[in-house]
């Protein structure tokens, strides 16, 4: 698998994960009455890092994209 394809797919997956984590953290904080932006940012960043690390093991999107190009 090419590095460029992997990077693109892993980046898209990480951005989605960061957005989902931010939305969930903001929603939970808003219910409690106070949004802690530092906690939102750190949780979202950690989720993004974990997404990239998980993508090292395997990335189905990149394999699927490669098959579609052939």
PDB file of N, CA and C in Angstrom:
ATOM      1  N   UNK A   1       0.854  -1.180   0.000  1.00  0.00           N
ATOM      2  CA  UNK A   1       0.000   0.000   0.000  1.00  0.00           C
ATOM      3  C   UNK A   1       0.899   1.242   0.000  1.00  0.00           C
ATOM      4  N   UNK A   2       0.566   2.189  -0.810  1.00  0.00           N
ATOM      5  CA  UNK A   2       1.373   3.394  -0.920  1.00  0.00           C
ATOM      6  C   UNK A   2       1.197   4.294   0.296  1.00  0.00           C
ATOM      7  N   UNK A   3       2.299   4.944   0.668  1.00  0.00           N
ATOM      8  CA  UNK A   3       2.293   5.833   1.834  1.00  0.00           C
ATOM      9  C   UNK A   3       1.318   6.989   1.653  1.00  0.00           C
ATOM     10  N   UNK A   4       1.242   7.527   0.436  1.00  0.00           N
ATOM     11  CA  UNK A   4       0.349   8.666   0.181  1.00  0.00           C
ATOM     12  C   UNK A   4      -1.114   8.289   0.420  1.00  0.00           C
ATOM     13  N   UNK A   5      -1.524   7.117  -0.079  1.00  0.00           N
ATOM     14  CA  UNK A   5      -2.900   6.656   0.111  1.00  0.00           C
ATOM     15  C   UNK A   5      -3.181   6.399   1.587  1.00  0.00           C
ATOM     16  N   UNK A   6      -2.218   5.740   2.252  1.00  0.00           N
ATOM     17  CA  UNK A   6      -2.396   5.433   3.677  1.00  0.00           C
ATOM     18  C   UNK A   6      -2.530   6.724   4.484  1.00  0.00           C
ATOM     19  N   UNK A   7      -1.663   7.698   4.180  1.00  0.00           N
ATOM     20  CA  UNK A   7      -1.689   8.968   4.911  1.00  0.00           C
ATOM     21  C   UNK A   7      -3.022   9.678   4.721  1.00  0.00           C
ATOM     22  N   UNK A   8      -3.516   9.682   3.503  1.00  0.00           N
ATOM     23  CA  UNK A   8      -4.804  10.329   3.215  1.00  0.00           C
ATOM     24  C   UNK A   8      -5.927   9.653   3.997  1.00  0.00           C
ATOM     25  N   UNK A   9      -6.006   8.334   3.916  1.00  0.00           N
ATOM     26  CA  UNK A   9      -7.076   7.596   4.595  1.00  0.00           C
ATOM     27  C   UNK A   9      -6.963   7.696   6.113  1.00  0.00           C
ATOM     28  N   UNK A  10      -5.747   7.575   6.634  1.00  0.00           N
ATOM     29  CA  UNK A  10      -5.546   7.675   8.082  1.00  0.00           C
ATOM     30  C   UNK A  10      -5.877   9.078   8.576  1.00  0.00           C
ATOM     31  N   UNK A  11      -5.534  10.090   7.789  1.00  0.00           N
ATOM     32  CA  UNK A  11      -5.835  11.472   8.158  1.00  0.00           C
ATOM     33  C   UNK A  11      -7.334  11.738   8.198  1.00  0.00           C
ATOM     34  N   UNK A  12      -8.045  11.243   7.199  1.00  0.00           N
ATOM     35  CA  UNK A  12      -9.506  11.409   7.170  1.00  0.00           C
ATOM     36  C   UNK A  12     -10.137  10.719   8.376  1.00  0.00           C
ATOM     37  N   UNK A  13      -9.677   9.514   8.653  1.00  0.00           N
ATOM     38  CA  UNK A  13     -10.213   8.767   9.800  1.00  0.00           C
ATOM     39  C   UNK A  13      -9.918   9.507  11.109  1.00  0.00           C
ATOM     40  N   UNK A  14      -8.714  10.043  11.250  1.00  0.00           N
ATOM     41  CA  UNK A  14      -8.330  10.761  12.473  1.00  0.00           C
ATOM     42  C   UNK A  14      -9.162  12.032  12.649  1.00  0.00           C
ATOM     43  N   UNK A  15      -9.385  12.758  11.563  1.00  0.00           N
ATOM     44  CA  UNK A  15     -10.198  13.984  11.642  1.00  0.00           C
ATOM     45  C   UNK A  15     -11.628  13.664  12.067  1.00  0.00           C
ATOM     46  N   UNK A  16     -12.181  12.601  11.519  1.00  0.00           N
ATOM     47  CA  UNK A  16     -13.537  12.187  11.918  1.00  0.00           C
ATOM     48  C   UNK A  16     -13.573  11.805  13.391  1.00  0.00           C
ATOM     49  N   UNK A  17     -12.559  11.089  13.836  1.00  0.00           N
ATOM     50  CA  UNK A  17     -12.497  10.671  15.237  1.00  0.00           C
ATOM     51  C   UNK A  17     -12.369  11.880  16.160  1.00  0.00           C
ATOM     52  N   UNK A  18     -11.531  12.837  15.777  1.00  0.00           N
ATOM     53  CA  UNK A  18     -11.366  14.055  16.580  1.00  0.00           C
ATOM     54  C   UNK A  18     -12.693  14.804  16.682  1.00  0.00           C
ATOM     55  N   UNK A  19     -13.387  14.943  15.554  1.00  0.00           N
ATOM     56  CA  UNK A  19     -14.673  15.654  15.556  1.00  0.00           C
ATOM     57  C   UNK A  19     -15.706  14.940  16.411  1.00  0.00           C
ATOM     58  N   UNK A  20     -15.769  13.628  16.307  1.00  0.00           N
ATOM     59  CA  UNK A  20     -16.727  12.864  17.108  1.00  0.00           C
ATOM     60  C   UNK A  20     -16.433  12.996  18.598  1.00  0.00           C
ATOM     61  N   UNK A  21     -15.161  12.945  18.950  1.00  0.00           N
ATOM     62  CA  UNK A  21     -14.784  13.071  20.359  1.00  0.00           C
ATOM     63  C   UNK A  21     -15.104  14.461  20.882  1.00  0.00           C
ATOM     64  N   UNK A  22     -14.820  15.482  20.080  1.00  0.00           N
ATOM     65  CA  UNK A  22     -15.118  16.855  20.501  1.00  0.00           C
ATOM     66  C   UNK A  22     -16.615  17.050  20.713  1.00  0.00           C
ATOM     67  N   UNK A  23     -17.413  16.554  19.792  1.00  0.00           N
ATOM     68  CA  UNK A  23     -18.868  16.697  19.912  1.00  0.00           C
ATOM     69  C   UNK A  23     -19.380  15.986  21.163  1.00  0.00           C
ATOM     70  N   UNK A  24     -18.887  14.774  21.394  1.00  0.00           N
ATOM     71  CA  UNK A  24     -19.331  14.020  22.578  1.00  0.00           C
ATOM     72  C   UNK A  24     -18.894  14.705  23.864  1.00  0.00           C
ATOM     73  N   UNK A  25     -17.670  15.215  23.894  1.00  0.00           N
ATOM     74  CA  UNK A  25     -17.165  15.866  25.101  1.00  0.00           C
ATOM     75  C   UNK A  25     -17.886  17.178  25.362  1.00  0.00           C
ATOM     76  N   UNK A  26     -18.122  17.954  24.315  1.00  0.00           N
ATOM     77  CA  UNK A  26     -18.850  19.218  24.466  1.00  0.00           C
ATOM     78  C   UNK A  26     -20.274  18.940  24.931  1.00  0.00           C
ATOM     79  N   UNK A  27     -20.913  17.941  24.326  1.00  0.00           N
ATOM     80  CA  UNK A  27     -22.288  17.592  24.726  1.00  0.00           C
ATOM     81  C   UNK A  27     -22.379  17.167  26.177  1.00  0.00           C
ATOM     82  N   UNK A  28     -21.447  16.349  26.610  1.00  0.00           N
ATOM     83  CA  UNK A  28     -21.437  15.903  28.007  1.00  0.00           C
ATOM     84  C   UNK A  28     -21.181  17.069  28.941  1.00  0.00           C
ATOM     85  N   UNK A  29     -20.242  17.929  28.578  1.00  0.00           N
ATOM     86  CA  UNK A  29     -19.906  19.082  29.421  1.00  0.00           C
ATOM     87  C   UNK A  29     -21.062  20.076  29.486  1.00  0.00           C
ATOM     88  N   UNK A  30     -21.745  20.271  28.369  1.00  0.00           N
ATOM     89  CA  UNK A  30     -22.864  21.219  28.336  1.00  0.00           C
ATOM     90  C   UNK A  30     -23.995  20.761  29.245  1.00  0.00           C
ATOM     91  N   UNK A  31     -24.220  19.447  29.291  1.00  0.00           N
ATOM     92  CA  UNK A  31     -25.263  18.917  30.178  1.00  0.00           C
ATOM     93  C   UNK A  31     -24.897  19.198  31.635  1.00  0.00           C
ATOM     94  N   UNK A  32     -23.618  19.130  31.942  1.00  0.00           N
ATOM     95  CA  UNK A  32     -23.155  19.386  33.308  1.00  0.00           C
ATOM     96  C   UNK A  32     -23.075  20.881  33.598  1.00  0.00           C
ATOM     97  N   UNK A  33     -23.227  21.722  32.572  1.00  0.00           N
ATOM     98  CA  UNK A  33     -23.311  23.152  32.786  1.00  0.00           C
ATOM     99  C   UNK A  33     -22.044  23.944  32.499  1.00  0.00           C
ATOM    100  N   UNK A  34     -20.915  23.308  32.235  1.00  0.00           N
ATOM    101  CA  UNK A  34     -19.687  24.046  31.988  1.00  0.00           C
ATOM    102  C   UNK A  34     -18.797  23.273  31.022  1.00  0.00           C
ATOM    103  N   UNK A  35     -18.481  23.905  29.908  1.00  0.00           N
ATOM    104  CA  UNK A  35     -17.618  23.259  28.923  1.00  0.00           C
ATOM    105  C   UNK A  35     -16.165  23.592  29.262  1.00  0.00           C
ATOM    106  N   UNK A  36     -15.392  22.564  29.552  1.00  0.00           N
ATOM    107  CA  UNK A  36     -13.971  22.728  29.830  1.00  0.00           C
ATOM    108  C   UNK A  36     -13.230  22.525  28.508  1.00  0.00           C
ATOM    109  N   UNK A  37     -12.846  23.633  27.879  1.00  0.00           N
ATOM    110  CA  UNK A  37     -12.272  23.575  26.538  1.00  0.00           C
ATOM    111  C   UNK A  37     -10.915  22.882  26.512  1.00  0.00           C
ATOM    112  N   UNK A  38     -10.193  22.961  27.603  1.00  0.00           N
ATOM    113  CA  UNK A  38      -8.907  22.255  27.678  1.00  0.00           C
ATOM    114  C   UNK A  38      -9.147  20.742  27.654  1.00  0.00           C
ATOM    115  N   UNK A  39     -10.157  20.297  28.391  1.00  0.00           N
ATOM    116  CA  UNK A  39     -10.496  18.868  28.393  1.00  0.00           C
ATOM    117  C   UNK A  39     -10.994  18.424  27.024  1.00  0.00           C
ATOM    118  N   UNK A  40     -11.793  19.257  26.371  1.00  0.00           N
ATOM    119  CA  UNK A  40     -12.289  18.934  25.028  1.00  0.00           C
ATOM    120  C   UNK A  40     -11.121  18.792  24.063  1.00  0.00           C
ATOM    121  N   UNK A  41     -10.213  19.747  24.086  1.00  0.00           N
ATOM    122  CA  UNK A  41      -9.061  19.723  23.195  1.00  0.00           C
ATOM    123  C   UNK A  41      -8.138  18.546  23.452  1.00  0.00           C
ATOM    124  N   UNK A  42      -7.843  18.289  24.725  1.00  0.00           N
ATOM    125  CA  UNK A  42      -6.910  17.194  25.030  1.00  0.00           C
ATOM    126  C   UNK A  42      -7.524  15.831  24.729  1.00  0.00           C
ATOM    127  N   UNK A  43      -8.800  15.656  25.025  1.00  0.00           N
ATOM    128  CA  UNK A  43      -9.458  14.379  24.723  1.00  0.00           C
ATOM    129  C   UNK A  43      -9.530  14.156  23.208  1.00  0.00           C
ATOM    130  N   UNK A  44      -9.821  15.207  22.467  1.00  0.00           N
ATOM    131  CA  UNK A  44      -9.912  15.110  21.012  1.00  0.00           C
ATOM    132  C   UNK A  44      -8.549  14.820  20.391  1.00  0.00           C
ATOM    133  N   UNK A  45      -7.518  15.487  20.877  1.00  0.00           N
ATOM    134  CA  UNK A  45      -6.166  15.246  20.373  1.00  0.00           C
ATOM    135  C   UNK A  45      -5.721  13.817  20.661  1.00  0.00           C
ATOM    136  N   UNK A  46      -5.979  13.351  21.869  1.00  0.00           N
ATOM    137  CA  UNK A  46      -5.622  11.975  22.221  1.00  0.00           C
ATOM    138  C   UNK A  46      -6.363  10.980  21.329  1.00  0.00           C
ATOM    139  N   UNK A  47      -7.632  11.235  21.071  1.00  0.00           N
ATOM    140  CA  UNK A  47      -8.407  10.353  20.195  1.00  0.00           C
ATOM    141  C   UNK A  47      -7.815  10.326  18.791  1.00  0.00           C
ATOM    142  N   UNK A  48      -7.376  11.478  18.301  1.00  0.00           N
ATOM    143  CA  UNK A  48      -6.758  11.543  16.986  1.00  0.00           C
ATOM    144  C   UNK A  48      -5.452  10.765  16.919  1.00  0.00           C
ATOM    145  N   UNK A  49      -4.638  10.883  17.957  1.00  0.00           N
ATOM    146  CA  UNK A  49      -3.375  10.137  18.022  1.00  0.00           C
ATOM    147  C   UNK A  49      -3.641   8.640  18.068  1.00  0.00           C
ATOM    148  N   UNK A  50      -4.603   8.241  18.879  1.00  0.00           N
ATOM    149  CA  UNK A  50      -4.949   6.822  18.960  1.00  0.00           C
ATOM    150  C   UNK A  50      -5.496   6.304  17.630  1.00  0.00           C
ATOM    151  N   UNK A  51      -6.224   7.128  16.914  1.00  0.00           N
ATOM    152  CA  UNK A  51      -6.738   6.739  15.607  1.00  0.00           C
ATOM    153  C   UNK A  51      -5.591   6.477  14.625  1.00  0.00           C
ATOM    154  N   UNK A  52      -4.607   7.360  14.621  1.00  0.00           N
ATOM    155  CA  UNK A  52      -3.446   7.173  13.736  1.00  0.00           C
ATOM    156  C   UNK A  52      -2.700   5.896  14.109  1.00  0.00           C
ATOM    157  N   UNK A  53      -2.486   5.684  15.410  1.00  0.00           N
ATOM    158  CA  UNK A  53      -1.771   4.482  15.853  1.00  0.00           C
ATOM    159  C   UNK A  53      -2.545   3.214  15.500  1.00  0.00           C
ATOM    160  N   UNK A  54      -3.862   3.261  15.627  1.00  0.00           N
ATOM    161  CA  UNK A  54      -4.687   2.114  15.262  1.00  0.00           C
ATOM    162  C   UNK A  54      -4.618   1.863  13.756  1.00  0.00           C
ATOM    163  N   UNK A  55      -4.509   2.920  12.985  1.00  0.00           N
ATOM    164  CA  UNK A  55      -4.442   2.795  11.526  1.00  0.00           C
ATOM    165  C   UNK A  55      -3.164   2.115  11.058  1.00  0.00           C
ATOM    166  N   UNK A  56      -2.131   2.133  11.879  1.00  0.00           N
ATOM    167  CA  UNK A  56      -0.876   1.464  11.513  1.00  0.00           C
ATOM    168  C   UNK A  56      -1.104  -0.032  11.343  1.00  0.00           C
ATOM    169  N   UNK A  57      -1.972  -0.600  12.175  1.00  0.00           N
ATOM    170  CA  UNK A  57      -2.265  -2.032  12.109  1.00  0.00           C
ATOM    171  C   UNK A  57      -2.943  -2.397  10.800  1.00  0.00           C
ATOM    172  N   UNK A  58      -3.856  -1.588  10.368  1.00  0.00           N
ATOM    173  CA  UNK A  58      -4.560  -1.871   9.122  1.00  0.00           C
ATOM    174  C   UNK A  58      -5.585  -0.794   8.847  1.00  0.00           C
ATOM    175  N   UNK A  59      -5.783  -0.526   7.592  1.00  0.00           N
ATOM    176  CA  UNK A  59      -6.699   0.532   7.199  1.00  0.00           C
ATOM    177  C   UNK A  59      -7.538   0.048   6.028  1.00  0.00           C
ATOM    178  N   UNK A  60      -8.729  -0.484   6.299  1.00  0.00           N
ATOM    179  CA  UNK A  60      -9.569  -1.044   5.233  1.00  0.00           C
ATOM    180  C   UNK A  60      -9.891  -0.040   4.122  1.00  0.00           C
ATOM    181  N   UNK A  61     -10.024   1.232   4.476  1.00  0.00           N
ATOM    182  CA  UNK A  61     -10.353   2.241   3.472  1.00  0.00           C
ATOM    183  C   UNK A  61      -9.265   2.323   2.407  1.00  0.00           C
ATOM    184  N   UNK A  62      -8.009   2.252   2.816  1.00  0.00           N
ATOM    185  CA  UNK A  62      -6.901   2.362   1.871  1.00  0.00           C
ATOM    186  C   UNK A  62      -6.870   1.161   0.938  1.00  0.00           C
ATOM    187  N   UNK A  63      -7.139  -0.014   1.454  1.00  0.00           N
ATOM    188  CA  UNK A  63      -7.162  -1.210   0.616  1.00  0.00           C
ATOM    189  C   UNK A  63      -8.317  -1.139  -0.374  1.00  0.00           C
ATOM    190  N   UNK A  64      -9.470  -0.660   0.101  1.00  0.00           N
ATOM    191  CA  UNK A  64     -10.651  -0.519  -0.748  1.00  0.00           C
ATOM    192  C   UNK A  64     -10.392   0.489  -1.854  1.00  0.00           C
ATOM    193  N   UNK A  65      -9.758   1.601  -1.492  1.00  0.00           N
ATOM    194  CA  UNK A  65      -9.444   2.654  -2.472  1.00  0.00           C
ATOM    195  C   UNK A  65      -8.493   2.125  -3.538  1.00  0.00           C
ATOM    196  N   UNK A  66      -7.535   1.313  -3.146  1.00  0.00           N
ATOM    197  CA  UNK A  66      -6.577   0.736  -4.097  1.00  0.00           C
ATOM    198  C   UNK A  66      -7.273  -0.176  -5.098  1.00  0.00           C
ATOM    199  N   UNK A  67      -8.223  -0.973  -4.638  1.00  0.00           N
ATOM    200  CA  UNK A  67      -8.961  -1.880  -5.511  1.00  0.00           C
ATOM    201  C   UNK A  67      -9.820  -1.123  -6.511  1.00  0.00           C
ATOM    202  N   UNK A  68     -10.412   0.012  -6.057  1.00  0.00           N
ATOM    203  CA  UNK A  68     -11.272   0.798  -6.929  1.00  0.00           C
ATOM    204  C   UNK A  68     -10.488   1.474  -8.044  1.00  0.00           C
ATOM    205  N   UNK A  69      -9.207   1.763  -7.818  1.00  0.00           N
ATOM    206  CA  UNK A  69      -8.398   2.426  -8.825  1.00  0.00           C
ATOM    207  C   UNK A  69      -7.969   1.484  -9.941  1.00  0.00           C
ATOM    208  N   UNK A  70      -7.950   0.183  -9.692  1.00  0.00           N
ATOM    209  CA  UNK A  70      -7.489  -0.782 -10.683  1.00  0.00           C
ATOM    210  C   UNK A  70      -8.497  -1.043 -11.753  1.00  0.00           C
TER     211      UNK A  70
END
